[in-house]
Amino acid sequence: MKGKSKAETNNTDAKLKKRGSATEKVSKRQPKKQKKAAKDPNRPKRPPSAFFVFMEEFRQEFKRENPDNKSVSAVGKAAGARWKSMSDADKAPYVEKAEKRKSDYNKNMEAYNKKLEGTNVEEEEESDEKSRSEVHDDEEDEDETGEEEEDDD
C-alpha cells in the first residue's frame, strides 16, 4: 500500500487551501489593536465599594477562625455568603465608610486634575508663544514687500 491516491490528496489539498484563505480573510478584517496609554502612577486609586470595605475586616476574622485555610476562593465564597445574608442595617457601617472614602477620592481627583491642568496650561503657553512668533514673522514679511492680502467676503 502506497498511501493516499492522487484524488484523495488533491481533495485534501483543496480543503486546506480553502481553510487557509478563509482564515486569511478573517485576519485581514480584524482591526489592529491599539496600544493602551501609560497609566499615571500619581493618579489616586479608585475607592473600594461597601463590599470590599467589609472584605477587609472579614479577611482578618476568617484568618483567625481558619488559620489552616490558605485558599483565596474559600475566603471570597464565605464573605459573599455572609454579605448576602446581612441586612441593610448590618451593611450600613460599611456603606458609610465606602461613601467617606469616595468623597476623599473625589477631593483627591479634583486636586490631581487641577495639577494636570496646570501642567497642560504651561505646555499650551509654550506652544502658543511659538505660534505667535510664527504669525509675527509672517506680518513682517508682508510689510517688507508692501503688499497685503485683502479678503473677498
C-alpha atoms as a PDB file:
ATOM      1  CA  MET A   1       0.000   0.000   0.000  1.00  0.00           C
ATOM      2  CA  LYS A   2       1.398   3.282  -1.052  1.00  0.00           C
ATOM      3  CA  GLY A   3      -0.925   5.570   0.876  1.00  0.00           C
ATOM      4  CA  LYS A   4      -3.449   8.066  -0.470  1.00  0.00           C
ATOM      5  CA  SER A   5      -4.400   8.226  -4.112  1.00  0.00           C
ATOM      6  CA  LYS A   6      -3.928  11.395  -6.158  1.00  0.00           C
ATOM      7  CA  ALA A   7      -7.643  12.162  -5.988  1.00  0.00           C
ATOM      8  CA  GLU A   8      -7.675  11.973  -2.197  1.00  0.00           C
ATOM      9  CA  THR A   9      -4.517  14.122  -1.915  1.00  0.00           C
ATOM     10  CA  ASN A  10      -5.880  16.755  -4.279  1.00  0.00           C
ATOM     11  CA  ASN A  11      -9.164  16.776  -2.380  1.00  0.00           C
ATOM     12  CA  THR A  12      -7.457  17.367   0.998  1.00  0.00           C
ATOM     13  CA  ASP A  13      -5.112  19.954  -0.521  1.00  0.00           C
ATOM     14  CA  ALA A  14      -8.095  21.858  -1.885  1.00  0.00           C
ATOM     15  CA  LYS A  15      -9.756  21.778   1.548  1.00  0.00           C
ATOM     16  CA  LEU A  16      -6.614  23.074   3.210  1.00  0.00           C
ATOM     17  CA  LYS A  17      -6.294  25.866   0.685  1.00  0.00           C
ATOM     18  CA  LYS A  18      -9.893  26.896   1.289  1.00  0.00           C
ATOM     19  CA  ARG A  19      -9.364  26.875   5.033  1.00  0.00           C
ATOM     20  CA  GLY A  20      -6.205  28.915   4.744  1.00  0.00           C
ATOM     21  CA  SER A  21      -7.821  31.517   2.547  1.00  0.00           C
ATOM     22  CA  ALA A  22     -10.791  31.810   4.905  1.00  0.00           C
ATOM     23  CA  THR A  23      -8.552  32.453   7.886  1.00  0.00           C
ATOM     24  CA  GLU A  24      -6.540  34.969   5.924  1.00  0.00           C
ATOM     25  CA  LYS A  25      -9.698  36.880   5.045  1.00  0.00           C
ATOM     26  CA  VAL A  26     -10.798  36.928   8.676  1.00  0.00           C
ATOM     27  CA  SER A  27      -7.448  38.192   9.884  1.00  0.00           C
ATOM     28  CA  LYS A  28      -7.490  40.979   7.294  1.00  0.00           C
ATOM     29  CA  ARG A  29     -10.863  42.181   8.553  1.00  0.00           C
ATOM     30  CA  GLN A  30      -9.828  42.460  12.171  1.00  0.00           C
ATOM     31  CA  PRO A  31      -8.542  45.888  13.147  1.00  0.00           C
ATOM     32  CA  LYS A  32      -5.110  46.173  14.660  1.00  0.00           C
ATOM     33  CA  LYS A  33      -5.001  46.517  18.423  1.00  0.00           C
ATOM     34  CA  GLN A  34      -4.085  49.940  19.671  1.00  0.00           C
ATOM     35  CA  LYS A  35      -1.629  50.295  22.489  1.00  0.00           C
ATOM     36  CA  LYS A  36      -3.044  51.454  25.795  1.00  0.00           C
ATOM     37  CA  ALA A  37      -1.919  54.780  27.145  1.00  0.00           C
ATOM     38  CA  ALA A  38       0.523  54.547  30.030  1.00  0.00           C
ATOM     39  CA  LYS A  39      -1.130  54.876  33.415  1.00  0.00           C
ATOM     40  CA  ASP A  40      -0.049  57.717  35.654  1.00  0.00           C
ATOM     41  CA  PRO A  41       1.325  56.310  38.925  1.00  0.00           C
ATOM     42  CA  ASN A  42       0.433  59.556  40.720  1.00  0.00           C
ATOM     43  CA  ARG A  43      -3.274  59.233  39.944  1.00  0.00           C
ATOM     44  CA  PRO A  44      -5.370  58.416  43.045  1.00  0.00           C
ATOM     45  CA  LYS A  45      -6.734  54.878  43.249  1.00  0.00           C
ATOM     46  CA  ARG A  46     -10.471  54.371  43.000  1.00  0.00           C
ATOM     47  CA  PRO A  47     -12.197  53.818  46.334  1.00  0.00           C
ATOM     48  CA  PRO A  48     -13.456  50.354  47.314  1.00  0.00           C
ATOM     49  CA  SER A  49     -17.154  49.553  47.334  1.00  0.00           C
ATOM     50  CA  ALA A  50     -19.004  48.747  50.581  1.00  0.00           C
ATOM     51  CA  PHE A  51     -18.475  45.024  49.968  1.00  0.00           C
ATOM     52  CA  PHE A  52     -14.705  45.436  49.689  1.00  0.00           C
ATOM     53  CA  VAL A  53     -14.629  47.533  52.854  1.00  0.00           C
ATOM     54  CA  PHE A  54     -16.469  44.628  54.512  1.00  0.00           C
ATOM     55  CA  MET A  55     -13.965  42.180  52.991  1.00  0.00           C
ATOM     56  CA  GLU A  56     -11.032  43.978  54.646  1.00  0.00           C
ATOM     57  CA  GLU A  57     -12.436  43.166  58.085  1.00  0.00           C
ATOM     58  CA  PHE A  58     -13.814  39.769  57.108  1.00  0.00           C
ATOM     59  CA  ARG A  59     -10.426  38.502  55.863  1.00  0.00           C
ATOM     60  CA  GLN A  60      -8.831  39.137  59.251  1.00  0.00           C
ATOM     61  CA  GLU A  61     -11.719  37.452  61.053  1.00  0.00           C
ATOM     62  CA  PHE A  62     -11.659  34.479  58.672  1.00  0.00           C
ATOM     63  CA  LYS A  63      -7.893  34.055  59.191  1.00  0.00           C
ATOM     64  CA  ARG A  64      -8.357  33.913  62.967  1.00  0.00           C
ATOM     65  CA  GLU A  65     -11.144  31.338  62.708  1.00  0.00           C
ATOM     66  CA  ASN A  66      -9.479  29.237  59.971  1.00  0.00           C
ATOM     67  CA  PRO A  67      -5.697  29.529  60.288  1.00  0.00           C
ATOM     68  CA  ASP A  68      -5.070  26.412  58.158  1.00  0.00           C
ATOM     69  CA  ASN A  69      -7.133  27.604  55.177  1.00  0.00           C
ATOM     70  CA  LYS A  70      -4.967  29.436  52.653  1.00  0.00           C
ATOM     71  CA  SER A  71      -7.489  29.386  49.790  1.00  0.00           C
ATOM     72  CA  VAL A  72      -8.486  32.793  48.449  1.00  0.00           C
ATOM     73  CA  SER A  73     -11.595  31.356  46.846  1.00  0.00           C
ATOM     74  CA  ALA A  74     -12.803  29.943  50.181  1.00  0.00           C
ATOM     75  CA  VAL A  75     -12.497  33.384  51.778  1.00  0.00           C
ATOM     76  CA  GLY A  76     -14.364  35.002  48.892  1.00  0.00           C
ATOM     77  CA  LYS A  77     -17.170  32.465  48.950  1.00  0.00           C
ATOM     78  CA  ALA A  78     -17.605  32.743  52.706  1.00  0.00           C
ATOM     79  CA  ALA A  79     -17.573  36.549  52.549  1.00  0.00           C
ATOM     80  CA  GLY A  80     -20.093  36.598  49.704  1.00  0.00           C
ATOM     81  CA  ALA A  81     -22.409  34.265  51.591  1.00  0.00           C
ATOM     82  CA  ARG A  82     -22.233  36.381  54.733  1.00  0.00           C
ATOM     83  CA  TRP A  83     -22.703  39.660  52.787  1.00  0.00           C
ATOM     84  CA  LYS A  84     -25.853  38.284  51.138  1.00  0.00           C
ATOM     85  CA  SER A  85     -27.248  37.172  54.470  1.00  0.00           C
ATOM     86  CA  MET A  86     -26.639  40.558  56.129  1.00  0.00           C
ATOM     87  CA  SER A  87     -29.469  43.065  56.456  1.00  0.00           C
ATOM     88  CA  ASP A  88     -29.223  46.667  55.272  1.00  0.00           C
ATOM     89  CA  ALA A  89     -28.762  47.767  58.891  1.00  0.00           C
ATOM     90  CA  ASP A  90     -25.768  45.430  59.220  1.00  0.00           C
ATOM     91  CA  LYS A  91     -24.297  46.753  55.971  1.00  0.00           C
ATOM     92  CA  ALA A  92     -24.801  50.429  56.931  1.00  0.00           C
ATOM     93  CA  PRO A  93     -21.382  50.984  58.620  1.00  0.00           C
ATOM     94  CA  TYR A  94     -19.579  49.584  55.579  1.00  0.00           C
ATOM     95  CA  VAL A  95     -21.657  51.728  53.230  1.00  0.00           C
ATOM     96  CA  GLU A  96     -20.807  54.831  55.291  1.00  0.00           C
ATOM     97  CA  LYS A  97     -17.090  54.026  55.218  1.00  0.00           C
ATOM     98  CA  ALA A  98     -17.268  53.477  51.465  1.00  0.00           C
ATOM     99  CA  GLU A  99     -19.041  56.821  50.948  1.00  0.00           C
ATOM    100  CA  LYS A 100     -16.439  58.603  53.072  1.00  0.00           C
ATOM    101  CA  ARG A 101     -13.633  57.056  51.019  1.00  0.00           C
ATOM    102  CA  LYS A 102     -15.437  58.024  47.835  1.00  0.00           C
ATOM    103  CA  SER A 103     -15.714  61.676  48.935  1.00  0.00           C
ATOM    104  CA  ASP A 104     -11.997  61.667  49.831  1.00  0.00           C
ATOM    105  CA  TYR A 105     -11.248  60.172  46.435  1.00  0.00           C
ATOM    106  CA  ASN A 106     -13.289  62.872  44.675  1.00  0.00           C
ATOM    107  CA  LYS A 107     -11.343  65.586  46.524  1.00  0.00           C
ATOM    108  CA  ASN A 108      -8.042  63.945  45.599  1.00  0.00           C
ATOM    109  CA  MET A 109      -9.129  63.632  41.961  1.00  0.00           C
ATOM    110  CA  GLU A 110     -10.061  67.327  41.823  1.00  0.00           C
ATOM    111  CA  ALA A 111      -6.620  68.242  43.149  1.00  0.00           C
ATOM    112  CA  TYR A 112      -4.996  65.805  40.729  1.00  0.00           C
ATOM    113  CA  ASN A 113      -6.936  67.212  37.763  1.00  0.00           C
ATOM    114  CA  LYS A 114      -6.039  70.787  38.748  1.00  0.00           C
ATOM    115  CA  LYS A 115      -2.412  69.768  38.899  1.00  0.00           C
ATOM    116  CA  LEU A 116      -2.686  68.214  35.430  1.00  0.00           C
ATOM    117  CA  GLU A 117      -4.419  71.317  34.075  1.00  0.00           C
ATOM    118  CA  GLY A 118      -1.594  73.444  35.447  1.00  0.00           C
ATOM    119  CA  THR A 119       0.992  71.405  33.595  1.00  0.00           C
ATOM    120  CA  ASN A 120      -1.130  71.392  30.418  1.00  0.00           C
ATOM    121  CA  VAL A 121      -1.571  75.179  30.574  1.00  0.00           C
ATOM    122  CA  GLU A 122       2.205  75.654  30.751  1.00  0.00           C
ATOM    123  CA  GLU A 123       2.667  73.377  27.730  1.00  0.00           C
ATOM    124  CA  GLU A 124      -0.047  75.255  25.798  1.00  0.00           C
ATOM    125  CA  GLU A 125       1.546  78.611  26.623  1.00  0.00           C
ATOM    126  CA  GLU A 126       4.852  77.392  25.209  1.00  0.00           C
ATOM    127  CA  SER A 127       3.186  76.231  22.011  1.00  0.00           C
ATOM    128  CA  ASP A 128       1.183  79.488  21.812  1.00  0.00           C
ATOM    129  CA  GLU A 129       4.403  81.504  22.033  1.00  0.00           C
ATOM    130  CA  LYS A 130       5.845  79.529  19.140  1.00  0.00           C
ATOM    131  CA  SER A 131       2.770  80.037  17.011  1.00  0.00           C
ATOM    132  CA  ARG A 132       2.641  83.756  17.865  1.00  0.00           C
ATOM    133  CA  SER A 133       6.224  84.241  16.771  1.00  0.00           C
ATOM    134  CA  GLU A 134       5.432  82.494  13.512  1.00  0.00           C
ATOM    135  CA  VAL A 135       2.455  84.798  12.996  1.00  0.00           C
ATOM    136  CA  HIS A 136       4.583  87.871  13.689  1.00  0.00           C
ATOM    137  CA  ASP A 137       7.191  86.670  11.219  1.00  0.00           C
ATOM    138  CA  ASP A 138       4.515  86.451   8.523  1.00  0.00           C
ATOM    139  CA  GLU A 139       3.366  90.008   9.227  1.00  0.00           C
ATOM    140  CA  GLU A 140       6.923  91.304   8.986  1.00  0.00           C
ATOM    141  CA  ASP A 141       7.322  89.617   5.593  1.00  0.00           C
ATOM    142  CA  GLU A 142       4.169  91.298   4.305  1.00  0.00           C
ATOM    143  CA  ASP A 143       5.351  94.719   5.497  1.00  0.00           C
ATOM    144  CA  GLU A 144       8.677  94.329   3.682  1.00  0.00           C
ATOM    145  CA  THR A 145       7.020  93.586   0.347  1.00  0.00           C
ATOM    146  CA  GLY A 146       4.449  96.345   0.843  1.00  0.00           C
ATOM    147  CA  GLU A 147       1.603  94.112  -0.179  1.00  0.00           C
ATOM    148  CA  GLU A 148      -1.288  92.970   1.947  1.00  0.00           C
ATOM    149  CA  GLU A 149      -3.886  90.433   1.045  1.00  0.00           C
ATOM    150  CA  GLU A 150      -7.493  91.526   1.177  1.00  0.00           C
ATOM    151  CA  ASP A 151     -10.350  89.174   1.945  1.00  0.00           C
ATOM    152  CA  ASP A 152     -13.153  88.979  -0.583  1.00  0.00           C
ATOM    153  CA  ASP A 153     -16.176  88.160   1.571  1.00  0.00           C
END
